Amino acid sequence: MSLDRYRTAIVTGASRGIGAATVRQLRTSGLEVYAVARSADDLVSLAEETGCRPLALDVSHREAVLSALGALDADILINNASALSPATTSWETAPDDLDALLDVNLRGAFNCLAATVPGMKARGLGHIVNIGSMGGSWALPGMPAYAMTKAALHNLGQTLRLDLHGSGVRVSEIAPGRVETGMHIALLADREEGRRRFYEGVESLQAVDIAEAIMFVLGAPQRMDVTYMEIVPTDQSYGGSQFHRRGV
């Protein structure tokens, strides 16, 4: 497998976790990589380490995204930027939390597509990788609004393939289960309790595992598009059925 057909990549949410691990992998493969995150300070050390090009950018702002990314002639777009809200029931989701989820997880993805897809389509070459979640396909208590945005991202990827049919541009979705990036800690008000509940005593996926999966789909032959890949820890399972037994 080879990435020789590609020269330039954009990775959003690049300052840490899956995004930073993906930047490292792409740079090792010799690509010019634009690492996008809201905080410039968080990108400095990654740029020093890898030689990536840091871009401090809020992906929810359409004009800023078009201005910064539109002229880059990117061959690869990794839509990885993602927000997470505190654990709650669906009807208790705070309006501000919902706005943040919609702004980053959906509006951000649409904005980055608007900046990059026209060039890919015109050149007849490109690859879009959306980082979804198993929460987009499976009901997970405590994170309904987050899961809703990931379900929408899944649908977006399917529609995007129809929009790009015959163009030569590929669209893939990677849907991870629990990855030990620290993101889950935001689900609970007590961060230490979050660390214990989600990471202590369990073997979660690591960010590099997802980055390597991204490299696999990018490096597949042009005739092959890995449209959807769900990756979970070996020790994680989900599904099943529950019944509430009523009193008689």
Protein backbone atom coordinates (compact mmCIF):
# COMPACT_ATOMS: atom_id res chain seq x y z
CA MET A 1 0.00 0.00 0.00
CA SER A 2 1.27 3.45 -0.89
CA LEU A 3 0.35 7.08 -0.41
CA ASP A 4 2.49 8.18 -3.36
CA ARG A 5 -0.54 9.55 -5.21
CA TYR A 6 -1.07 12.13 -2.45
CA ARG A 7 0.99 15.18 -1.54
CA THR A 8 -0.95 17.35 0.93
CA ALA A 9 -3.20 16.50 3.88
CA ILE A 10 -5.34 18.48 6.32
CA VAL A 11 -6.04 17.05 9.77
CA THR A 12 -8.53 18.80 12.05
CA GLY A 13 -8.53 18.38 15.81
CA ALA A 14 -4.80 17.83 15.40
CA SER A 15 -3.40 19.11 18.66
CA ARG A 16 -3.76 15.86 20.60
CA GLY A 17 -5.13 12.31 20.58
CA ILE A 18 -6.13 10.75 17.27
CA GLY A 19 -5.43 13.95 15.34
CA ALA A 20 -1.85 14.31 16.56
CA ALA A 21 -1.17 10.59 16.03
CA THR A 22 -2.45 10.88 12.46
CA VAL A 23 -0.28 13.91 11.76
CA ARG A 24 2.76 11.90 12.89
CA GLN A 25 1.88 8.98 10.61
CA LEU A 26 1.26 11.19 7.59
CA ARG A 27 4.49 13.10 8.10
CA THR A 28 6.42 9.83 8.39
CA SER A 29 4.98 8.94 4.98
CA GLY A 30 6.37 12.18 3.55
CA LEU A 31 3.20 14.21 3.10
CA GLU A 32 2.91 17.91 3.71
CA VAL A 33 0.42 18.12 6.59
CA TYR A 34 -1.60 21.09 7.79
CA ALA A 35 -2.48 20.48 11.44
CA VAL A 36 -5.64 22.35 12.42
CA ALA A 37 -6.80 23.11 15.97
CA ARG A 38 -8.25 26.07 17.83
CA SER A 39 -5.23 26.66 20.05
CA ALA A 40 -1.96 27.68 18.39
CA ASP A 41 -0.02 26.89 21.57
CA ASP A 42 -1.11 23.25 21.47
CA LEU A 43 0.21 22.90 17.93
CA VAL A 44 3.68 24.32 18.55
CA SER A 45 5.28 21.19 19.98
CA LEU A 46 3.67 18.99 17.32
CA ALA A 47 5.04 21.25 14.59
CA GLU A 48 8.50 21.16 16.16
CA GLU A 49 8.35 17.38 16.44
CA THR A 50 6.97 16.53 13.00
CA GLY A 51 7.51 19.50 10.72
CA CYS A 52 3.78 19.83 10.11
CA ARG A 53 2.29 23.22 9.29
CA PRO A 54 0.21 24.46 12.25
CA LEU A 55 -3.04 26.29 11.57
CA ALA A 56 -4.90 27.84 14.51
CA LEU A 57 -8.47 27.76 13.26
CA ASP A 58 -11.99 27.34 14.59
CA VAL A 59 -13.58 24.99 12.07
CA SER A 60 -17.07 26.21 12.95
CA HIS A 61 -16.36 29.58 11.26
CA ARG A 62 -17.11 29.13 7.55
CA GLU A 63 -15.31 32.15 6.11
CA ALA A 64 -12.18 31.54 8.18
CA VAL A 65 -12.08 27.91 7.05
CA LEU A 66 -12.58 28.80 3.39
CA SER A 67 -9.86 31.43 3.59
CA ALA A 68 -7.34 29.19 5.37
CA LEU A 69 -7.95 25.86 3.63
CA GLY A 70 -9.47 26.71 0.27
CA ALA A 71 -6.21 27.35 -1.58
CA LEU A 72 -4.19 24.44 -0.19
CA ASP A 73 -5.03 21.90 -2.92
CA ALA A 74 -5.40 19.23 -0.25
CA ASP A 75 -5.48 15.63 -1.44
CA ILE A 76 -6.56 14.30 1.97
CA LEU A 77 -9.00 15.70 4.52
CA ILE A 78 -9.23 14.04 7.92
CA ASN A 79 -12.36 15.39 9.64
CA ASN A 80 -11.33 14.56 13.20
CA ALA A 81 -12.26 17.68 15.22
CA SER A 82 -14.91 16.69 17.74
CA ALA A 83 -16.64 18.09 20.81
CA LEU A 84 -18.10 16.08 23.68
CA SER A 85 -20.64 17.21 26.29
CA PRO A 86 -21.21 16.13 29.90
CA ALA A 87 -23.15 12.91 30.41
CA THR A 88 -26.89 13.51 30.60
CA THR A 89 -30.25 12.33 29.34
CA SER A 90 -31.43 13.66 26.00
CA TRP A 91 -33.95 16.13 27.42
CA GLU A 92 -31.43 17.52 29.91
CA THR A 93 -28.82 18.45 27.30
CA ALA A 94 -27.90 22.08 27.90
CA PRO A 95 -28.45 24.42 24.92
CA ASP A 96 -24.84 25.62 25.04
CA ASP A 97 -23.58 22.03 24.98
CA LEU A 98 -25.80 21.23 22.02
CA ASP A 99 -24.55 24.31 20.17
CA ALA A 100 -20.92 23.26 20.73
CA LEU A 101 -21.58 19.74 19.47
CA LEU A 102 -23.37 20.94 16.35
CA ASP A 103 -20.76 23.65 15.68
CA VAL A 104 -17.73 21.35 15.78
CA ASN A 105 -18.98 17.87 14.94
CA LEU A 106 -21.25 18.86 12.06
CA ARG A 107 -20.80 22.49 11.00
CA GLY A 108 -17.02 22.07 11.19
CA ALA A 109 -17.12 19.04 8.92
CA PHE A 110 -19.35 20.81 6.39
CA ASN A 111 -17.06 23.85 6.38
CA CYS A 112 -13.95 21.78 5.75
CA LEU A 113 -15.71 19.93 2.93
CA ALA A 114 -16.71 23.24 1.37
CA ALA A 115 -13.07 24.34 1.40
CA THR A 116 -11.50 21.17 0.01
CA VAL A 117 -13.94 19.07 -2.04
CA PRO A 118 -14.24 21.40 -5.08
CA GLY A 119 -10.50 21.14 -5.67
CA MET A 120 -10.45 17.37 -5.17
CA LYS A 121 -13.32 16.95 -7.60
CA ALA A 122 -11.68 19.19 -10.20
CA ARG A 123 -8.41 17.22 -9.96
CA GLY A 124 -10.19 13.87 -9.95
CA LEU A 125 -8.26 12.74 -6.87
CA GLY A 126 -8.77 12.96 -3.14
CA HIS A 127 -9.72 11.13 0.01
CA ILE A 128 -12.01 12.31 2.82
CA VAL A 129 -11.86 10.42 6.10
CA ASN A 130 -14.52 11.25 8.67
CA ILE A 131 -13.84 10.15 12.24
CA GLY A 132 -17.18 8.95 13.53
CA SER A 133 -18.00 6.85 16.56
CA MET A 134 -19.64 3.55 17.39
CA GLY A 135 -22.07 5.85 19.22
CA GLY A 136 -23.37 6.89 15.82
CA SER A 137 -24.71 3.37 15.24
CA TRP A 138 -25.28 1.98 18.72
CA ALA A 139 -27.28 3.53 21.55
CA LEU A 140 -24.96 4.58 24.38
CA PRO A 141 -26.60 5.93 27.56
CA GLY A 142 -25.37 9.30 28.77
CA MET A 143 -24.26 10.80 25.45
CA PRO A 144 -27.36 11.20 23.26
CA ALA A 145 -26.51 14.55 21.67
CA TYR A 146 -22.94 13.52 20.87
CA ALA A 147 -24.17 10.25 19.36
CA MET A 148 -26.76 12.15 17.33
CA THR A 149 -24.02 14.26 15.71
CA LYS A 150 -21.98 11.16 14.91
CA ALA A 151 -25.02 9.47 13.39
CA ALA A 152 -25.48 12.56 11.23
CA LEU A 153 -21.80 12.42 10.23
CA HIS A 154 -22.30 8.80 9.18
CA ASN A 155 -25.24 9.80 6.99
CA LEU A 156 -23.23 12.69 5.58
CA GLY A 157 -20.50 10.30 4.49
CA GLN A 158 -22.99 8.10 2.67
CA THR A 159 -24.54 11.08 0.91
CA LEU A 160 -21.11 12.46 0.04
CA ARG A 161 -20.29 9.27 -1.83
CA LEU A 162 -23.37 9.82 -3.96
CA ASP A 163 -22.43 13.45 -4.54
CA LEU A 164 -18.92 12.41 -5.63
CA HIS A 165 -19.89 9.34 -7.64
CA GLY A 166 -17.58 8.97 -10.62
CA SER A 167 -15.22 11.74 -9.50
CA GLY A 168 -12.40 9.51 -8.26
CA VAL A 169 -12.63 11.04 -4.77
CA ARG A 170 -12.96 8.44 -2.01
CA VAL A 171 -14.90 8.82 1.25
CA SER A 172 -14.23 6.69 4.33
CA GLU A 173 -15.54 6.66 7.89
CA ILE A 174 -13.62 5.29 10.86
CA ALA A 175 -15.93 4.61 13.83
CA PRO A 176 -13.94 3.86 16.99
CA GLY A 177 -15.15 2.49 20.28
CA ARG A 178 -13.37 3.61 23.44
CA VAL A 179 -10.03 5.24 22.69
CA GLU A 180 -7.87 6.34 25.61
CA THR A 181 -7.41 9.96 24.60
CA GLY A 182 -8.77 11.55 27.79
CA MET A 183 -11.85 12.75 25.93
CA HIS A 184 -14.22 10.61 28.02
CA ILE A 185 -13.18 12.41 31.20
CA ALA A 186 -15.28 15.36 30.03
CA LEU A 187 -18.42 13.26 30.49
CA LEU A 188 -18.23 13.60 34.28
CA ALA A 189 -17.90 16.67 36.48
CA ASP A 190 -15.31 14.82 38.60
CA ARG A 191 -12.42 14.29 36.20
CA GLU A 192 -10.64 11.82 38.47
CA GLU A 193 -13.80 9.75 38.72
CA GLY A 194 -14.04 9.90 34.93
CA ARG A 195 -10.50 8.56 34.58
CA ARG A 196 -11.25 5.70 36.97
CA ARG A 197 -14.57 4.84 35.38
CA PHE A 198 -13.50 4.87 31.76
CA TYR A 199 -9.82 3.91 31.73
CA GLU A 200 -8.72 2.24 34.96
CA GLY A 201 -8.39 -1.54 34.74
CA VAL A 202 -9.48 -1.77 31.09
CA GLU A 203 -7.47 -2.05 27.88
CA SER A 204 -8.82 0.66 25.60
CA LEU A 205 -7.76 1.48 22.08
CA GLN A 206 -4.89 3.96 21.73
CA ALA A 207 -4.81 6.95 19.41
CA VAL A 208 -2.10 5.35 17.30
CA ASP A 209 -4.42 2.39 16.59
CA ILE A 210 -6.91 4.70 14.88
CA ALA A 211 -4.13 6.58 13.08
CA GLU A 212 -2.87 3.28 11.66
CA ALA A 213 -6.40 2.41 10.50
CA ILE A 214 -6.58 5.77 8.74
CA MET A 215 -3.27 5.03 7.01
CA PHE A 216 -4.66 1.68 5.88
CA VAL A 217 -7.72 3.18 4.17
CA LEU A 218 -5.64 5.97 2.61
CA GLY A 219 -3.09 3.51 1.27
CA ALA A 220 -5.59 1.10 -0.27
CA PRO A 221 -5.48 0.84 -4.08
CA GLN A 222 -7.41 3.57 -5.87
CA ARG A 223 -9.94 0.98 -7.02
CA MET A 224 -10.79 0.25 -3.35
CA ASP A 225 -12.71 2.52 -0.96
CA VAL A 226 -13.04 1.35 2.63
CA THR A 227 -16.33 3.13 3.20
CA TYR A 228 -16.88 2.19 6.85
CA MET A 229 -14.62 0.69 9.50
CA GLU A 230 -15.76 0.14 13.10
CA ILE A 231 -12.93 -0.50 15.55
CA VAL A 232 -13.49 -1.43 19.18
CA PRO A 233 -11.28 -2.80 21.96
CA THR A 234 -11.22 -6.59 22.08
CA ASP A 235 -12.71 -6.40 25.58
CA GLN A 236 -15.59 -4.10 24.59
CA SER A 237 -19.01 -5.40 23.54
CA TYR A 238 -22.40 -3.77 23.09
CA GLY A 239 -25.97 -4.48 22.06
CA GLY A 240 -28.23 -7.00 23.77
CA SER A 241 -31.71 -6.47 25.16
CA GLN A 242 -33.20 -5.40 28.49
CA PHE A 243 -36.66 -5.81 29.99
CA HIS A 244 -38.22 -3.90 32.85
CA ARG A 245 -40.28 -6.40 34.82
CA ARG A 246 -43.49 -4.76 35.98
CA GLY A 247 -45.04 -5.59 39.31
CA VAL A 248 -48.11 -7.82 39.21
